[in-house]
Amino acid sequence: MKAATMLTARQERFVDEYLVDLNATQAAVRAGYSAKSAHVEGSRLLTNAKVAAAISAAKRERSETTKIDAESLVSGQNANKFNWLVICEALHLFWSPASA
């Protein structure tokens, strides 16, 4: 995450967690927001301009790194690479140091 975005630590964590499954409520919970208000916080964070910009930048970076974009997925190209990416992200979710 670039320092120029000036996100709080929880906002940065939300961005990282949102990219795991694109579920704002669950990302908010994993980022440390209250489970009772996670749906509201997740929605609010998605409309925050700095958070939205950080999510877009991270998606763009991930797409460039993996060489996978929506068009290649729809056309069936990179299917194996996409499956491997999903497996890697699932492993990261379950074995990341933050969740240990």
N, C-alpha and C. Protein backbone atom coordinates (compact mmCIF):
# COMPACT_ATOMS: atom_id res chain seq x y z
N MET A 1 0.85 -1.18 0.00
CA MET A 1 0.00 0.00 0.00
C MET A 1 0.89 1.24 0.00
N LYS A 2 0.63 2.18 -0.85
CA LYS A 2 1.44 3.39 -0.92
C LYS A 2 1.10 4.31 0.25
N ALA A 3 2.14 4.96 0.79
CA ALA A 3 1.93 5.87 1.91
C ALA A 3 1.11 7.09 1.48
N ALA A 4 1.13 7.40 0.20
CA ALA A 4 0.42 8.58 -0.31
C ALA A 4 -1.09 8.46 -0.11
N THR A 5 -1.61 7.24 -0.01
CA THR A 5 -3.04 7.08 0.15
C THR A 5 -3.48 7.51 1.55
N MET A 6 -2.56 7.44 2.51
CA MET A 6 -2.81 7.87 3.89
C MET A 6 -4.05 7.20 4.48
N LEU A 7 -4.11 5.90 4.36
CA LEU A 7 -5.18 5.15 4.98
C LEU A 7 -4.78 4.80 6.41
N THR A 8 -5.77 4.61 7.26
CA THR A 8 -5.47 4.12 8.60
C THR A 8 -5.07 2.66 8.49
N ALA A 9 -4.53 2.12 9.56
CA ALA A 9 -4.12 0.71 9.56
C ALA A 9 -5.32 -0.20 9.31
N ARG A 10 -6.45 0.12 9.93
CA ARG A 10 -7.65 -0.72 9.72
C ARG A 10 -8.18 -0.59 8.30
N GLN A 11 -8.11 0.59 7.72
CA GLN A 11 -8.54 0.77 6.33
C GLN A 11 -7.64 -0.04 5.40
N GLU A 12 -6.32 -0.01 5.64
CA GLU A 12 -5.41 -0.81 4.83
C GLU A 12 -5.73 -2.29 4.96
N ARG A 13 -6.00 -2.72 6.19
CA ARG A 13 -6.35 -4.13 6.41
C ARG A 13 -7.66 -4.46 5.70
N PHE A 14 -8.63 -3.54 5.74
CA PHE A 14 -9.89 -3.75 5.04
C PHE A 14 -9.64 -3.96 3.54
N VAL A 15 -8.80 -3.12 2.95
CA VAL A 15 -8.49 -3.25 1.53
C VAL A 15 -7.92 -4.63 1.25
N ASP A 16 -6.94 -5.05 2.04
CA ASP A 16 -6.33 -6.37 1.85
C ASP A 16 -7.35 -7.48 1.99
N GLU A 17 -8.19 -7.39 3.00
CA GLU A 17 -9.19 -8.42 3.26
C GLU A 17 -10.30 -8.40 2.21
N TYR A 18 -10.67 -7.23 1.72
CA TYR A 18 -11.70 -7.13 0.70
C TYR A 18 -11.27 -7.84 -0.57
N LEU A 19 -9.99 -7.76 -0.89
CA LEU A 19 -9.49 -8.40 -2.10
C LEU A 19 -9.52 -9.93 -2.02
N VAL A 20 -9.65 -10.47 -0.82
CA VAL A 20 -9.69 -11.93 -0.66
C VAL A 20 -10.96 -12.50 -1.29
N ASP A 21 -12.12 -11.89 -0.97
CA ASP A 21 -13.39 -12.47 -1.45
C ASP A 21 -14.39 -11.42 -1.94
N LEU A 22 -13.98 -10.16 -1.97
CA LEU A 22 -14.83 -9.05 -2.41
C LEU A 22 -16.12 -8.95 -1.60
N ASN A 23 -16.06 -9.35 -0.34
CA ASN A 23 -17.20 -9.28 0.57
C ASN A 23 -16.88 -8.21 1.60
N ALA A 24 -17.55 -7.06 1.48
CA ALA A 24 -17.24 -5.92 2.35
C ALA A 24 -17.55 -6.20 3.81
N THR A 25 -18.63 -6.90 4.09
CA THR A 25 -19.00 -7.20 5.48
C THR A 25 -17.94 -8.08 6.14
N GLN A 26 -17.58 -9.17 5.47
CA GLN A 26 -16.58 -10.08 6.03
C GLN A 26 -15.21 -9.41 6.11
N ALA A 27 -14.88 -8.59 5.13
CA ALA A 27 -13.60 -7.88 5.16
C ALA A 27 -13.55 -6.93 6.35
N ALA A 28 -14.66 -6.27 6.64
CA ALA A 28 -14.71 -5.36 7.78
C ALA A 28 -14.49 -6.13 9.08
N VAL A 29 -15.12 -7.28 9.22
CA VAL A 29 -14.94 -8.09 10.42
C VAL A 29 -13.49 -8.51 10.55
N ARG A 30 -12.91 -9.03 9.47
CA ARG A 30 -11.51 -9.49 9.51
C ARG A 30 -10.55 -8.33 9.74
N ALA A 31 -10.96 -7.12 9.38
CA ALA A 31 -10.10 -5.95 9.58
C ALA A 31 -10.23 -5.38 10.99
N GLY A 32 -11.12 -5.95 11.77
CA GLY A 32 -11.22 -5.53 13.16
C GLY A 32 -12.42 -4.67 13.51
N TYR A 33 -13.34 -4.49 12.58
CA TYR A 33 -14.56 -3.74 12.89
C TYR A 33 -15.55 -4.66 13.58
N SER A 34 -16.45 -4.10 14.34
CA SER A 34 -17.43 -4.87 15.08
C SER A 34 -18.32 -5.69 14.14
N ALA A 35 -18.55 -6.94 14.50
CA ALA A 35 -19.41 -7.80 13.69
C ALA A 35 -20.83 -7.25 13.61
N LYS A 36 -21.26 -6.56 14.67
CA LYS A 36 -22.62 -6.00 14.69
C LYS A 36 -22.81 -4.90 13.66
N SER A 37 -21.76 -4.15 13.40
CA SER A 37 -21.89 -3.03 12.46
C SER A 37 -21.07 -3.23 11.19
N ALA A 38 -20.58 -4.43 10.98
CA ALA A 38 -19.69 -4.69 9.84
C ALA A 38 -20.34 -4.39 8.50
N HIS A 39 -21.62 -4.69 8.36
CA HIS A 39 -22.27 -4.42 7.07
C HIS A 39 -22.32 -2.92 6.78
N VAL A 40 -22.53 -2.12 7.81
CA VAL A 40 -22.56 -0.67 7.64
C VAL A 40 -21.15 -0.14 7.38
N GLU A 41 -20.20 -0.62 8.18
CA GLU A 41 -18.81 -0.18 8.03
C GLU A 41 -18.25 -0.58 6.66
N GLY A 42 -18.54 -1.81 6.23
CA GLY A 42 -18.06 -2.26 4.93
C GLY A 42 -18.58 -1.39 3.81
N SER A 43 -19.86 -1.09 3.87
CA SER A 43 -20.46 -0.23 2.85
C SER A 43 -19.86 1.17 2.89
N ARG A 44 -19.68 1.69 4.09
CA ARG A 44 -19.11 3.03 4.25
C ARG A 44 -17.68 3.07 3.71
N LEU A 45 -16.91 2.03 4.01
CA LEU A 45 -15.53 2.00 3.55
C LEU A 45 -15.44 1.93 2.02
N LEU A 46 -16.36 1.20 1.40
CA LEU A 46 -16.34 1.11 -0.06
C LEU A 46 -16.64 2.44 -0.72
N THR A 47 -17.37 3.31 -0.04
CA THR A 47 -17.69 4.62 -0.61
C THR A 47 -16.67 5.69 -0.23
N ASN A 48 -15.71 5.34 0.64
CA ASN A 48 -14.64 6.27 1.00
C ASN A 48 -13.70 6.37 -0.20
N ALA A 49 -13.46 7.58 -0.68
CA ALA A 49 -12.68 7.79 -1.91
C ALA A 49 -11.27 7.21 -1.80
N LYS A 50 -10.61 7.38 -0.68
CA LYS A 50 -9.24 6.88 -0.53
C LYS A 50 -9.23 5.35 -0.49
N VAL A 51 -10.19 4.76 0.19
CA VAL A 51 -10.27 3.29 0.26
C VAL A 51 -10.60 2.74 -1.13
N ALA A 52 -11.56 3.35 -1.81
CA ALA A 52 -11.94 2.89 -3.15
C ALA A 52 -10.75 2.98 -4.12
N ALA A 53 -9.97 4.05 -4.01
CA ALA A 53 -8.79 4.21 -4.86
C ALA A 53 -7.75 3.13 -4.54
N ALA A 54 -7.58 2.82 -3.28
CA ALA A 54 -6.62 1.79 -2.88
C ALA A 54 -7.06 0.42 -3.38
N ILE A 55 -8.36 0.14 -3.33
CA ILE A 55 -8.88 -1.13 -3.84
C ILE A 55 -8.66 -1.22 -5.35
N SER A 56 -8.97 -0.16 -6.06
CA SER A 56 -8.76 -0.15 -7.52
C SER A 56 -7.30 -0.35 -7.88
N ALA A 57 -6.42 0.33 -7.16
CA ALA A 57 -4.99 0.20 -7.42
C ALA A 57 -4.50 -1.22 -7.14
N ALA A 58 -4.98 -1.80 -6.04
CA ALA A 58 -4.57 -3.17 -5.69
C ALA A 58 -5.10 -4.18 -6.70
N LYS A 59 -6.33 -3.99 -7.17
CA LYS A 59 -6.88 -4.89 -8.19
C LYS A 59 -6.07 -4.79 -9.49
N ARG A 60 -5.74 -3.56 -9.85
CA ARG A 60 -4.96 -3.33 -11.07
C ARG A 60 -3.58 -4.00 -10.93
N GLU A 61 -2.95 -3.82 -9.78
CA GLU A 61 -1.63 -4.41 -9.53
C GLU A 61 -1.71 -5.94 -9.57
N ARG A 62 -2.75 -6.49 -8.95
CA ARG A 62 -2.91 -7.95 -8.95
C ARG A 62 -3.13 -8.47 -10.37
N SER A 63 -3.92 -7.75 -11.14
CA SER A 63 -4.17 -8.16 -12.52
C SER A 63 -2.89 -8.14 -13.34
N GLU A 64 -2.07 -7.12 -13.14
CA GLU A 64 -0.79 -7.04 -13.85
C GLU A 64 0.16 -8.14 -13.40
N THR A 65 0.18 -8.42 -12.11
CA THR A 65 1.08 -9.44 -11.57
C THR A 65 0.69 -10.83 -12.05
N THR A 66 -0.60 -11.13 -12.03
CA THR A 66 -1.06 -12.48 -12.40
C THR A 66 -1.30 -12.63 -13.89
N LYS A 67 -1.34 -11.50 -14.59
CA LYS A 67 -1.66 -11.50 -16.03
C LYS A 67 -3.07 -12.05 -16.28
N ILE A 68 -3.94 -11.84 -15.30
CA ILE A 68 -5.33 -12.29 -15.44
C ILE A 68 -6.22 -11.06 -15.34
N ASP A 69 -7.14 -10.93 -16.28
CA ASP A 69 -8.13 -9.87 -16.20
C ASP A 69 -9.50 -10.46 -16.51
N ALA A 70 -10.53 -9.66 -16.35
CA ALA A 70 -11.89 -10.16 -16.54
C ALA A 70 -12.10 -10.70 -17.94
N GLU A 71 -11.54 -10.05 -18.94
CA GLU A 71 -11.73 -10.50 -20.32
C GLU A 71 -11.14 -11.90 -20.55
N SER A 72 -9.95 -12.15 -19.99
CA SER A 72 -9.33 -13.46 -20.19
C SER A 72 -10.08 -14.55 -19.44
N LEU A 73 -10.71 -14.19 -18.32
CA LEU A 73 -11.50 -15.18 -17.58
C LEU A 73 -12.77 -15.54 -18.34
N VAL A 74 -13.43 -14.54 -18.90
CA VAL A 74 -14.66 -14.77 -19.64
C VAL A 74 -14.38 -15.60 -20.89
N SER A 75 -13.25 -15.35 -21.52
CA SER A 75 -12.92 -16.08 -22.75
C SER A 75 -12.36 -17.47 -22.46
N GLY A 76 -12.08 -17.77 -21.20
CA GLY A 76 -11.57 -19.09 -20.85
C GLY A 76 -10.07 -19.19 -20.83
N GLN A 77 -9.39 -18.13 -21.23
CA GLN A 77 -7.93 -18.13 -21.16
C GLN A 77 -7.52 -18.06 -19.69
N ASN A 78 -6.39 -18.60 -19.36
CA ASN A 78 -5.84 -18.54 -18.01
C ASN A 78 -6.67 -19.25 -16.97
N ALA A 79 -7.52 -20.19 -17.36
CA ALA A 79 -8.38 -20.88 -16.39
C ALA A 79 -7.56 -21.58 -15.32
N ASN A 80 -6.51 -22.28 -15.71
CA ASN A 80 -5.68 -22.97 -14.72
C ASN A 80 -4.96 -21.99 -13.81
N LYS A 81 -4.48 -20.90 -14.39
CA LYS A 81 -3.81 -19.89 -13.58
C LYS A 81 -4.79 -19.28 -12.59
N PHE A 82 -6.03 -19.04 -13.03
CA PHE A 82 -7.04 -18.48 -12.14
C PHE A 82 -7.34 -19.46 -11.00
N ASN A 83 -7.49 -20.74 -11.30
CA ASN A 83 -7.76 -21.73 -10.26
C ASN A 83 -6.63 -21.76 -9.25
N TRP A 84 -5.39 -21.69 -9.72
CA TRP A 84 -4.25 -21.68 -8.82
C TRP A 84 -4.26 -20.42 -7.95
N LEU A 85 -4.63 -19.29 -8.52
CA LEU A 85 -4.71 -18.05 -7.77
C LEU A 85 -5.75 -18.16 -6.65
N VAL A 86 -6.89 -18.75 -6.94
CA VAL A 86 -7.94 -18.92 -5.94
C VAL A 86 -7.43 -19.81 -4.80
N ILE A 87 -6.74 -20.88 -5.15
CA ILE A 87 -6.20 -21.78 -4.12
C ILE A 87 -5.18 -21.04 -3.26
N CYS A 88 -4.31 -20.28 -3.88
CA CYS A 88 -3.30 -19.53 -3.13
C CYS A 88 -3.94 -18.51 -2.19
N GLU A 89 -4.96 -17.81 -2.67
CA GLU A 89 -5.63 -16.83 -1.82
C GLU A 89 -6.36 -17.51 -0.67
N ALA A 90 -6.94 -18.69 -0.91
CA ALA A 90 -7.61 -19.42 0.17
C ALA A 90 -6.59 -19.85 1.22
N LEU A 91 -5.44 -20.32 0.77
CA LEU A 91 -4.39 -20.70 1.72
C LEU A 91 -3.92 -19.50 2.52
N HIS A 92 -3.77 -18.37 1.85
CA HIS A 92 -3.36 -17.14 2.54
C HIS A 92 -4.39 -16.76 3.60
N LEU A 93 -5.65 -16.91 3.28
CA LEU A 93 -6.72 -16.56 4.22
C LEU A 93 -6.63 -17.41 5.48
N PHE A 94 -6.40 -18.72 5.31
CA PHE A 94 -6.40 -19.61 6.46
C PHE A 94 -5.07 -19.67 7.20
N TRP A 95 -3.96 -19.36 6.53
CA TRP A 95 -2.67 -19.49 7.18
C TRP A 95 -1.89 -18.18 7.25
N SER A 96 -2.55 -17.08 7.13
CA SER A 96 -1.83 -15.81 7.22
C SER A 96 -1.46 -15.56 8.68
N PRO A 97 -0.32 -14.94 8.94
CA PRO A 97 0.12 -14.67 10.32
C PRO A 97 -0.91 -13.88 11.13
N ALA A 98 -1.69 -13.03 10.46
CA ALA A 98 -2.68 -12.22 11.18
C ALA A 98 -3.80 -13.05 11.74
N SER A 99 -4.11 -14.19 11.10
CA SER A 99 -5.22 -15.01 11.58
C SER A 99 -4.75 -16.10 12.53
N ALA A 100 -3.45 -16.23 12.70
CA ALA A 100 -2.91 -17.28 13.58
C ALA A 100 -3.02 -16.89 15.03
